[in-house]
Structure formats: C-alpha cells, structure tokens
C-alpha cells in the first residue's frame, strides 16, 4: 500500500473498493511528509517533502481517475493484437 510506484488506477481502485486500506494509505502519506520522528530527532531530517502519489500532492487531495474498462487484450512485449488486423508488410522482392 505504501509503494510510490502505484499507478493512478491502483489508487482509484483502493479508494473505491477498500475504504479501510485507503484510510491507512492516506494516514501513511501524511506521516511520511516530514520524515521519521526518530530520524528528525537524530539530526537526519528529510530534504523536501515526500508523497505516495507521483503528482506530489497529498493522497486525499489527488483527483483520481478510475481505470478504463478492458475491452481487448493489450500489447505485450512480444505480441500486439492490433498488429494482427494490419496487412503484412511486403518482403524483399514482393509487392504489397
């Protein structure tokens, strides 16, 4: 839950589907803003402010957009369903 690499869809889903976990994430996001109390007391304060969301806005203030519905399989590293509908390119010596 406290991962700064979660995407927009993850946060929107968490807020919509898991209110208790969303509340925990918002509390954690607030807690990390000024760093750890122990580090601050020991003279190791954070430089700047920290946020969970990549927009660098408090999690409970970010305008979250839900994930778009998945109608078709997406592209992968070795395949793309969108290429299957396109005509094959002509090879050397062939006419397209």
PDB file of N, CA and C in Angstrom:
ATOM      1  N   UNK A   1       0.820  -1.187   0.000  1.00  0.00           N
ATOM      2  CA  UNK A   1       0.000   0.000   0.000  1.00  0.00           C
ATOM      3  C   UNK A   1       0.868   1.256   0.000  1.00  0.00           C
ATOM      4  N   UNK A   2       1.991   1.249   0.641  1.00  0.00           N
ATOM      5  CA  UNK A   2       2.825   2.438   0.739  1.00  0.00           C
ATOM      6  C   UNK A   2       3.838   2.570  -0.364  1.00  0.00           C
ATOM      7  N   UNK A   3       3.612   1.923  -1.479  1.00  0.00           N
ATOM      8  CA  UNK A   3       4.567   1.960  -2.591  1.00  0.00           C
ATOM      9  C   UNK A   3       4.356   3.219  -3.435  1.00  0.00           C
ATOM     10  N   UNK A   4       5.404   3.986  -3.700  1.00  0.00           N
ATOM     11  CA  UNK A   4       5.251   5.191  -4.515  1.00  0.00           C
ATOM     12  C   UNK A   4       5.138   4.895  -6.009  1.00  0.00           C
ATOM     13  N   UNK A   5       5.224   3.637  -6.397  1.00  0.00           N
ATOM     14  CA  UNK A   5       5.153   3.282  -7.815  1.00  0.00           C
ATOM     15  C   UNK A   5       3.766   2.813  -8.240  1.00  0.00           C
ATOM     16  N   UNK A   6       2.791   2.867  -7.335  1.00  0.00           N
ATOM     17  CA  UNK A   6       1.424   2.510  -7.723  1.00  0.00           C
ATOM     18  C   UNK A   6       0.921   3.515  -8.743  1.00  0.00           C
ATOM     19  N   UNK A   7       0.164   3.011  -9.713  1.00  0.00           N
ATOM     20  CA  UNK A   7      -0.366   3.910 -10.734  1.00  0.00           C
ATOM     21  C   UNK A   7      -1.710   4.485 -10.308  1.00  0.00           C
ATOM     22  N   UNK A   8      -2.197   5.399 -11.123  1.00  0.00           N
ATOM     23  CA  UNK A   8      -3.453   6.090 -10.854  1.00  0.00           C
ATOM     24  C   UNK A   8      -4.608   5.107 -10.639  1.00  0.00           C
ATOM     25  N   UNK A   9      -4.663   4.077 -11.461  1.00  0.00           N
ATOM     26  CA  UNK A   9      -5.732   3.090 -11.354  1.00  0.00           C
ATOM     27  C   UNK A   9      -5.711   2.352 -10.026  1.00  0.00           C
ATOM     28  N   UNK A  10      -4.513   2.034  -9.541  1.00  0.00           N
ATOM     29  CA  UNK A  10      -4.407   1.343  -8.250  1.00  0.00           C
ATOM     30  C   UNK A  10      -5.031   2.190  -7.143  1.00  0.00           C
ATOM     31  N   UNK A  11      -4.665   3.480  -7.113  1.00  0.00           N
ATOM     32  CA  UNK A  11      -5.186   4.350  -6.058  1.00  0.00           C
ATOM     33  C   UNK A  11      -6.692   4.522  -6.178  1.00  0.00           C
ATOM     34  N   UNK A  12      -7.199   4.667  -7.399  1.00  0.00           N
ATOM     35  CA  UNK A  12      -8.648   4.812  -7.594  1.00  0.00           C
ATOM     36  C   UNK A  12      -9.379   3.551  -7.146  1.00  0.00           C
ATOM     37  N   UNK A  13      -8.826   2.381  -7.499  1.00  0.00           N
ATOM     38  CA  UNK A  13      -9.444   1.116  -7.085  1.00  0.00           C
ATOM     39  C   UNK A  13      -9.409   0.962  -5.562  1.00  0.00           C
ATOM     40  N   UNK A  14      -8.284   1.323  -4.949  1.00  0.00           N
ATOM     41  CA  UNK A  14      -8.160   1.198  -3.492  1.00  0.00           C
ATOM     42  C   UNK A  14      -9.190   2.082  -2.803  1.00  0.00           C
ATOM     43  N   UNK A  15      -9.326   3.315  -3.272  1.00  0.00           N
ATOM     44  CA  UNK A  15     -10.301   4.231  -2.668  1.00  0.00           C
ATOM     45  C   UNK A  15     -11.731   3.717  -2.830  1.00  0.00           C
ATOM     46  N   UNK A  16     -12.048   3.167  -4.016  1.00  0.00           N
ATOM     47  CA  UNK A  16     -13.413   2.710  -4.293  1.00  0.00           C
ATOM     48  C   UNK A  16     -13.742   1.377  -3.626  1.00  0.00           C
ATOM     49  N   UNK A  17     -12.779   0.469  -3.575  1.00  0.00           N
ATOM     50  CA  UNK A  17     -13.057  -0.905  -3.149  1.00  0.00           C
ATOM     51  C   UNK A  17     -12.598  -1.262  -1.740  1.00  0.00           C
ATOM     52  N   UNK A  18     -11.687  -0.491  -1.170  1.00  0.00           N
ATOM     53  CA  UNK A  18     -11.134  -0.834   0.151  1.00  0.00           C
ATOM     54  C   UNK A  18     -11.011   0.421   1.015  1.00  0.00           C
ATOM     55  N   UNK A  19     -12.130   0.946   1.515  1.00  0.00           N
ATOM     56  CA  UNK A  19     -12.077   2.208   2.272  1.00  0.00           C
ATOM     57  C   UNK A  19     -11.152   2.178   3.482  1.00  0.00           C
ATOM     58  N   UNK A  20     -11.067   1.058   4.171  1.00  0.00           N
ATOM     59  CA  UNK A  20     -10.187   0.989   5.349  1.00  0.00           C
ATOM     60  C   UNK A  20      -8.722   1.092   4.927  1.00  0.00           C
ATOM     61  N   UNK A  21      -8.360   0.394   3.870  1.00  0.00           N
ATOM     62  CA  UNK A  21      -6.975   0.470   3.383  1.00  0.00           C
ATOM     63  C   UNK A  21      -6.683   1.853   2.808  1.00  0.00           C
ATOM     64  N   UNK A  22      -7.672   2.476   2.152  1.00  0.00           N
ATOM     65  CA  UNK A  22      -7.499   3.833   1.643  1.00  0.00           C
ATOM     66  C   UNK A  22      -7.196   4.783   2.809  1.00  0.00           C
ATOM     67  N   UNK A  23      -7.938   4.646   3.903  1.00  0.00           N
ATOM     68  CA  UNK A  23      -7.719   5.489   5.080  1.00  0.00           C
ATOM     69  C   UNK A  23      -6.310   5.284   5.623  1.00  0.00           C
ATOM     70  N   UNK A  24      -5.851   4.031   5.664  1.00  0.00           N
ATOM     71  CA  UNK A  24      -4.489   3.744   6.113  1.00  0.00           C
ATOM     72  C   UNK A  24      -3.452   4.370   5.187  1.00  0.00           C
ATOM     73  N   UNK A  25      -3.689   4.292   3.879  1.00  0.00           N
ATOM     74  CA  UNK A  25      -2.749   4.860   2.910  1.00  0.00           C
ATOM     75  C   UNK A  25      -2.670   6.378   3.048  1.00  0.00           C
ATOM     76  N   UNK A  26      -3.815   7.026   3.248  1.00  0.00           N
ATOM     77  CA  UNK A  26      -3.843   8.481   3.433  1.00  0.00           C
ATOM     78  C   UNK A  26      -3.080   8.852   4.708  1.00  0.00           C
ATOM     79  N   UNK A  27      -3.282   8.096   5.779  1.00  0.00           N
ATOM     80  CA  UNK A  27      -2.576   8.363   7.036  1.00  0.00           C
ATOM     81  C   UNK A  27      -1.069   8.168   6.862  1.00  0.00           C
ATOM     82  N   UNK A  28      -0.669   7.110   6.151  1.00  0.00           N
ATOM     83  CA  UNK A  28       0.748   6.861   5.900  1.00  0.00           C
ATOM     84  C   UNK A  28       1.338   7.986   5.054  1.00  0.00           C
ATOM     85  N   UNK A  29       0.596   8.420   4.028  1.00  0.00           N
ATOM     86  CA  UNK A  29       1.057   9.508   3.168  1.00  0.00           C
ATOM     87  C   UNK A  29       1.308  10.773   3.998  1.00  0.00           C
ATOM     88  N   UNK A  30       0.414  11.068   4.924  1.00  0.00           N
ATOM     89  CA  UNK A  30       0.613  12.243   5.795  1.00  0.00           C
ATOM     90  C   UNK A  30       1.832  12.056   6.692  1.00  0.00           C
ATOM     91  N   UNK A  31       1.998  10.849   7.197  1.00  0.00           N
ATOM     92  CA  UNK A  31       3.084  10.578   8.145  1.00  0.00           C
ATOM     93  C   UNK A  31       4.462  10.716   7.506  1.00  0.00           C
ATOM     94  N   UNK A  32       4.584  10.398   6.226  1.00  0.00           N
ATOM     95  CA  UNK A  32       5.910  10.468   5.593  1.00  0.00           C
ATOM     96  C   UNK A  32       6.253  11.880   5.111  1.00  0.00           C
ATOM     97  N   UNK A  33       5.321  12.790   5.185  1.00  0.00           N
ATOM     98  CA  UNK A  33       5.547  14.139   4.661  1.00  0.00           C
ATOM     99  C   UNK A  33       6.785  14.793   5.258  1.00  0.00           C
ATOM    100  N   UNK A  34       6.976  14.646   6.560  1.00  0.00           N
ATOM    101  CA  UNK A  34       8.109  15.304   7.217  1.00  0.00           C
ATOM    102  C   UNK A  34       9.170  14.312   7.689  1.00  0.00           C
ATOM    103  N   UNK A  35       9.053  13.078   7.285  1.00  0.00           N
ATOM    104  CA  UNK A  35      10.066  12.090   7.645  1.00  0.00           C
ATOM    105  C   UNK A  35       9.764  11.378   8.944  1.00  0.00           C
ATOM    106  N   UNK A  36      10.675  10.536   9.316  1.00  0.00           N
ATOM    107  CA  UNK A  36      10.501   9.736  10.523  1.00  0.00           C
ATOM    108  C   UNK A  36      10.886  10.554  11.753  1.00  0.00           C
ATOM    109  N   UNK A  37      10.102  10.412  12.808  1.00  0.00           N
ATOM    110  CA  UNK A  37      10.373  11.154  14.043  1.00  0.00           C
ATOM    111  C   UNK A  37      11.764  10.833  14.576  1.00  0.00           C
ATOM    112  N   UNK A  38      12.159   9.564  14.522  1.00  0.00           N
ATOM    113  CA  UNK A  38      13.478   9.160  15.028  1.00  0.00           C
ATOM    114  C   UNK A  38      14.591   9.818  14.219  1.00  0.00           C
ATOM    115  N   UNK A  39      14.457   9.803  12.889  1.00  0.00           N
ATOM    116  CA  UNK A  39      15.489  10.420  12.046  1.00  0.00           C
ATOM    117  C   UNK A  39      15.569  11.926  12.296  1.00  0.00           C
ATOM    118  N   UNK A  40      14.422  12.564  12.472  1.00  0.00           N
ATOM    119  CA  UNK A  40      14.416  14.005  12.738  1.00  0.00           C
ATOM    120  C   UNK A  40      15.124  14.329  14.047  1.00  0.00           C
ATOM    121  N   UNK A  41      14.841  13.544  15.097  1.00  0.00           N
ATOM    122  CA  UNK A  41      15.458  13.766  16.409  1.00  0.00           C
ATOM    123  C   UNK A  41      16.964  13.527  16.337  1.00  0.00           C
ATOM    124  N   UNK A  42      17.379  12.543  15.535  1.00  0.00           N
ATOM    125  CA  UNK A  42      18.808  12.217  15.426  1.00  0.00           C
ATOM    126  C   UNK A  42      19.554  13.155  14.473  1.00  0.00           C
ATOM    127  N   UNK A  43      18.859  14.176  13.981  1.00  0.00           N
ATOM    128  CA  UNK A  43      19.527  15.142  13.118  1.00  0.00           C
ATOM    129  C   UNK A  43      19.611  14.734  11.653  1.00  0.00           C
ATOM    130  N   UNK A  44      18.718  13.826  11.227  1.00  0.00           N
ATOM    131  CA  UNK A  44      18.699  13.377   9.833  1.00  0.00           C
ATOM    132  C   UNK A  44      17.336  13.666   9.205  1.00  0.00           C
ATOM    133  N   UNK A  45      16.961  14.927   9.155  1.00  0.00           N
ATOM    134  CA  UNK A  45      15.646  15.225   8.577  1.00  0.00           C
ATOM    135  C   UNK A  45      15.636  14.996   7.068  1.00  0.00           C
ATOM    136  N   UNK A  46      14.453  14.807   6.527  1.00  0.00           N
ATOM    137  CA  UNK A  46      14.310  14.662   5.083  1.00  0.00           C
ATOM    138  C   UNK A  46      14.575  16.001   4.411  1.00  0.00           C
ATOM    139  N   UNK A  47      15.063  15.927   3.205  1.00  0.00           N
ATOM    140  CA  UNK A  47      15.217  17.143   2.412  1.00  0.00           C
ATOM    141  C   UNK A  47      14.011  17.222   1.496  1.00  0.00           C
ATOM    142  N   UNK A  48      13.145  18.176   1.716  1.00  0.00           N
ATOM    143  CA  UNK A  48      11.930  18.289   0.928  1.00  0.00           C
ATOM    144  C   UNK A  48      10.793  17.533   1.575  1.00  0.00           C
ATOM    145  N   UNK A  49       9.727  17.381   0.808  1.00  0.00           N
ATOM    146  CA  UNK A  49       8.565  16.647   1.289  1.00  0.00           C
ATOM    147  C   UNK A  49       8.384  15.395   0.455  1.00  0.00           C
ATOM    148  N   UNK A  50       7.770  14.384   1.048  1.00  0.00           N
ATOM    149  CA  UNK A  50       7.558  13.124   0.358  1.00  0.00           C
ATOM    150  C   UNK A  50       6.068  12.815   0.272  1.00  0.00           C
ATOM    151  N   UNK A  51       5.674  12.206  -0.849  1.00  0.00           N
ATOM    152  CA  UNK A  51       4.273  11.872  -1.121  1.00  0.00           C
ATOM    153  C   UNK A  51       4.220  10.482  -1.737  1.00  0.00           C
ATOM    154  N   UNK A  52       3.109   9.780  -1.542  1.00  0.00           N
ATOM    155  CA  UNK A  52       2.923   8.481  -2.188  1.00  0.00           C
ATOM    156  C   UNK A  52       2.557   8.631  -3.664  1.00  0.00           C
ATOM    157  N   UNK A  53       1.762   9.618  -3.997  1.00  0.00           N
ATOM    158  CA  UNK A  53       1.307   9.782  -5.382  1.00  0.00           C
ATOM    159  C   UNK A  53       2.355  10.528  -6.201  1.00  0.00           C
ATOM    160  N   UNK A  54       2.516  10.124  -7.448  1.00  0.00           N
ATOM    161  CA  UNK A  54       3.542  10.719  -8.304  1.00  0.00           C
ATOM    162  C   UNK A  54       3.296  12.190  -8.614  1.00  0.00           C
ATOM    163  N   UNK A  55       2.077  12.680  -8.395  1.00  0.00           N
ATOM    164  CA  UNK A  55       1.780  14.095  -8.627  1.00  0.00           C
ATOM    165  C   UNK A  55       2.328  14.982  -7.503  1.00  0.00           C
ATOM    166  N   UNK A  56       2.883  14.369  -6.467  1.00  0.00           N
ATOM    167  CA  UNK A  56       3.422  15.087  -5.309  1.00  0.00           C
ATOM    168  C   UNK A  56       2.370  15.978  -4.658  1.00  0.00           C
ATOM    169  N   UNK A  57       1.218  15.368  -4.487  1.00  0.00           N
ATOM    170  CA  UNK A  57       0.075  16.005  -3.846  1.00  0.00           C
ATOM    171  C   UNK A  57      -0.391  15.031  -2.764  1.00  0.00           C
ATOM    172  N   UNK A  58      -0.885  15.530  -1.629  1.00  0.00           N
ATOM    173  CA  UNK A  58      -1.412  14.609  -0.619  1.00  0.00           C
ATOM    174  C   UNK A  58      -2.426  13.650  -1.242  1.00  0.00           C
ATOM    175  N   UNK A  59      -2.344  12.406  -0.871  1.00  0.00           N
ATOM    176  CA  UNK A  59      -3.151  11.353  -1.486  1.00  0.00           C
ATOM    177  C   UNK A  59      -4.645  11.658  -1.438  1.00  0.00           C
ATOM    178  N   UNK A  60      -5.111  12.240  -0.352  1.00  0.00           N
ATOM    179  CA  UNK A  60      -6.539  12.528  -0.256  1.00  0.00           C
ATOM    180  C   UNK A  60      -6.951  13.791  -1.023  1.00  0.00           C
ATOM    181  N   UNK A  61      -6.001  14.465  -1.666  1.00  0.00           N
ATOM    182  CA  UNK A  61      -6.319  15.642  -2.479  1.00  0.00           C
ATOM    183  C   UNK A  61      -6.140  15.397  -3.979  1.00  0.00           C
ATOM    184  N   UNK A  62      -5.592  14.253  -4.344  1.00  0.00           N
ATOM    185  CA  UNK A  62      -5.365  13.944  -5.759  1.00  0.00           C
ATOM    186  C   UNK A  62      -6.698  13.644  -6.443  1.00  0.00           C
ATOM    187  N   UNK A  63      -6.863  14.158  -7.653  1.00  0.00           N
ATOM    188  CA  UNK A  63      -8.038  13.820  -8.458  1.00  0.00           C
ATOM    189  C   UNK A  63      -7.712  12.502  -9.159  1.00  0.00           C
ATOM    190  N   UNK A  64      -8.347  11.444  -8.684  1.00  0.00           N
ATOM    191  CA  UNK A  64      -8.064  10.110  -9.220  1.00  0.00           C
ATOM    192  C   UNK A  64      -9.055   9.750 -10.308  1.00  0.00           C
ATOM    193  N   UNK A  65      -8.546   9.169 -11.369  1.00  0.00           N
ATOM    194  CA  UNK A  65      -9.391   8.703 -12.460  1.00  0.00           C
ATOM    195  C   UNK A  65      -9.376   7.185 -12.464  1.00  0.00           C
ATOM    196  N   UNK A  66     -10.555   6.567 -12.468  1.00  0.00           N
ATOM    197  CA  UNK A  66     -10.588   5.097 -12.452  1.00  0.00           C
ATOM    198  C   UNK A  66      -9.976   4.524 -13.723  1.00  0.00           C
ATOM    199  N   UNK A  67      -9.573   3.276 -13.624  1.00  0.00           N
ATOM    200  CA  UNK A  67      -9.002   2.581 -14.783  1.00  0.00           C
ATOM    201  C   UNK A  67     -10.067   2.435 -15.857  1.00  0.00           C
ATOM    202  N   UNK A  68      -9.676   2.606 -17.116  1.00  0.00           N
ATOM    203  CA  UNK A  68     -10.652   2.368 -18.186  1.00  0.00           C
ATOM    204  C   UNK A  68     -10.968   0.879 -18.271  1.00  0.00           C
ATOM    205  N   UNK A  69     -12.189   0.536 -18.677  1.00  0.00           N
ATOM    206  CA  UNK A  69     -12.515  -0.886 -18.808  1.00  0.00           C
ATOM    207  C   UNK A  69     -11.667  -1.528 -19.899  1.00  0.00           C
ATOM    208  N   UNK A  70     -11.341  -2.781 -19.692  1.00  0.00           N
ATOM    209  CA  UNK A  70     -10.518  -3.506 -20.661  1.00  0.00           C
ATOM    210  C   UNK A  70     -11.443  -4.247 -21.609  1.00  0.00           C
ATOM    211  N   UNK A  71     -11.461  -3.831 -22.887  1.00  0.00           N
ATOM    212  CA  UNK A  71     -12.298  -4.480 -23.885  1.00  0.00           C
ATOM    213  C   UNK A  71     -11.532  -5.543 -24.672  1.00  0.00           C
ATOM    214  N   UNK A  72     -10.279  -5.307 -24.875  1.00  0.00           N
ATOM    215  CA  UNK A  72      -9.468  -6.213 -25.689  1.00  0.00           C
ATOM    216  C   UNK A  72      -8.125  -6.400 -25.000  1.00  0.00           C
ATOM    217  N   UNK A  73      -7.443  -7.489 -25.322  1.00  0.00           N
ATOM    218  CA  UNK A  73      -6.126  -7.678 -24.717  1.00  0.00           C
ATOM    219  C   UNK A  73      -5.178  -6.563 -25.141  1.00  0.00           C
ATOM    220  N   UNK A  74      -4.326  -6.189 -24.253  1.00  0.00           N
ATOM    221  CA  UNK A  74      -3.374  -5.123 -24.547  1.00  0.00           C
ATOM    222  C   UNK A  74      -2.114  -5.643 -25.203  1.00  0.00           C
ATOM    223  N   UNK A  75      -1.265  -4.735 -25.534  1.00  0.00           N
ATOM    224  CA  UNK A  75       0.004  -5.091 -26.164  1.00  0.00           C
ATOM    225  C   UNK A  75       0.939  -5.670 -25.115  1.00  0.00           C
ATOM    226  N   UNK A  76       1.735  -6.619 -25.541  1.00  0.00           N
ATOM    227  CA  UNK A  76       2.735  -7.208 -24.678  1.00  0.00           C
ATOM    228  C   UNK A  76       4.094  -7.033 -25.317  1.00  0.00           C
ATOM    229  N   UNK A  77       5.143  -7.498 -24.658  1.00  0.00           N
ATOM    230  CA  UNK A  77       6.483  -7.304 -25.215  1.00  0.00           C
ATOM    231  C   UNK A  77       6.729  -8.094 -26.507  1.00  0.00           C
ATOM    232  N   UNK A  78       5.958  -9.168 -26.751  1.00  0.00           N
ATOM    233  CA  UNK A  78       6.197  -9.970 -27.948  1.00  0.00           C
ATOM    234  C   UNK A  78       5.012  -9.998 -28.907  1.00  0.00           C
ATOM    235  N   UNK A  79       3.879  -9.510 -28.483  1.00  0.00           N
ATOM    236  CA  UNK A  79       2.699  -9.540 -29.341  1.00  0.00           C
ATOM    237  C   UNK A  79       1.924  -8.253 -29.223  1.00  0.00           C
ATOM    238  N   UNK A  80       1.170  -7.956 -30.255  1.00  0.00           N
ATOM    239  CA  UNK A  80       0.269  -6.811 -30.220  1.00  0.00           C
ATOM    240  C   UNK A  80      -0.968  -7.205 -31.010  1.00  0.00           C
ATOM    241  N   UNK A  81      -2.127  -7.338 -30.369  1.00  0.00           N
ATOM    242  CA  UNK A  81      -3.325  -7.752 -31.088  1.00  0.00           C
ATOM    243  C   UNK A  81      -3.725  -6.745 -32.163  1.00  0.00           C
ATOM    244  N   UNK A  82      -3.259  -5.514 -32.045  1.00  0.00           N
ATOM    245  CA  UNK A  82      -3.598  -4.505 -33.034  1.00  0.00           C
ATOM    246  C   UNK A  82      -2.861  -4.757 -34.348  1.00  0.00           C
ATOM    247  N   UNK A  83      -1.680  -5.363 -34.284  1.00  0.00           N
ATOM    248  CA  UNK A  83      -0.911  -5.653 -35.488  1.00  0.00           C
ATOM    249  C   UNK A  83      -1.536  -6.785 -36.293  1.00  0.00           C
ATOM    250  N   UNK A  84      -2.276  -7.668 -35.648  1.00  0.00           N
ATOM    251  CA  UNK A  84      -2.864  -8.815 -36.344  1.00  0.00           C
ATOM    252  C   UNK A  84      -3.863  -8.381 -37.400  1.00  0.00           C
ATOM    253  N   UNK A  85      -4.514  -7.247 -37.197  1.00  0.00           N
ATOM    254  CA  UNK A  85      -5.509  -6.759 -38.164  1.00  0.00           C
ATOM    255  C   UNK A  85      -4.870  -6.026 -39.320  1.00  0.00           C
ATOM    256  N   UNK A  86      -3.627  -5.602 -39.158  1.00  0.00           N
ATOM    257  CA  UNK A  86      -2.946  -4.854 -40.212  1.00  0.00           C
ATOM    258  C   UNK A  86      -2.415  -5.829 -41.271  1.00  0.00           C
ATOM    259  N   UNK A  87      -2.406  -5.427 -42.557  1.00  0.00           N
ATOM    260  CA  UNK A  87      -1.866  -6.299 -43.573  1.00  0.00           C
ATOM    261  C   UNK A  87      -0.366  -6.481 -43.365  1.00  0.00           C
ATOM    262  N   UNK A  88       0.116  -7.652 -43.708  1.00  0.00           N
ATOM    263  CA  UNK A  88       1.536  -7.953 -43.549  1.00  0.00           C
ATOM    264  C   UNK A  88       2.343  -7.089 -44.503  1.00  0.00           C
ATOM    265  N   UNK A  89       3.500  -6.670 -44.055  1.00  0.00           N
ATOM    266  CA  UNK A  89       4.376  -5.863 -44.915  1.00  0.00           C
ATOM    267  C   UNK A  89       5.004  -6.763 -45.969  1.00  0.00           C
ATOM    268  N   UNK A  90       5.249  -6.173 -47.131  1.00  0.00           N
ATOM    269  CA  UNK A  90       5.864  -6.931 -48.228  1.00  0.00           C
ATOM    270  C   UNK A  90       7.327  -7.166 -47.910  1.00  0.00           C
ATOM    271  N   UNK A  91       7.805  -8.353 -48.219  1.00  0.00           N
ATOM    272  CA  UNK A  91       9.207  -8.681 -48.011  1.00  0.00           C
ATOM    273  C   UNK A  91      10.027  -8.236 -49.211  1.00  0.00           C
ATOM    274  N   UNK A  92      11.334  -8.453 -49.168  1.00  0.00           N
ATOM    275  CA  UNK A  92      12.171  -8.049 -50.294  1.00  0.00           C
ATOM    276  C   UNK A  92      11.722  -8.736 -51.581  1.00  0.00           C
ATOM    277  N   UNK A  93      11.574  -7.986 -52.642  1.00  0.00           N
ATOM    278  CA  UNK A  93      11.194  -8.547 -53.924  1.00  0.00           C
ATOM    279  C   UNK A  93       9.693  -8.798 -54.075  1.00  0.00           C
ATOM    280  N   UNK A  94       8.884  -8.529 -53.018  1.00  0.00           N
ATOM    281  CA  UNK A  94       7.445  -8.750 -53.083  1.00  0.00           C
ATOM    282  C   UNK A  94       6.710  -7.423 -53.267  1.00  0.00           C
ATOM    283  N   UNK A  95       5.548  -7.488 -53.830  1.00  0.00           N
ATOM    284  CA  UNK A  95       4.721  -6.303 -53.994  1.00  0.00           C
ATOM    285  C   UNK A  95       3.629  -6.336 -52.939  1.00  0.00           C
ATOM    286  N   UNK A  96       3.469  -5.234 -52.268  1.00  0.00           N
ATOM    287  CA  UNK A  96       2.456  -5.181 -51.217  1.00  0.00           C
ATOM    288  C   UNK A  96       1.089  -4.975 -51.816  1.00  0.00           C
TER     289      UNK A  96
END
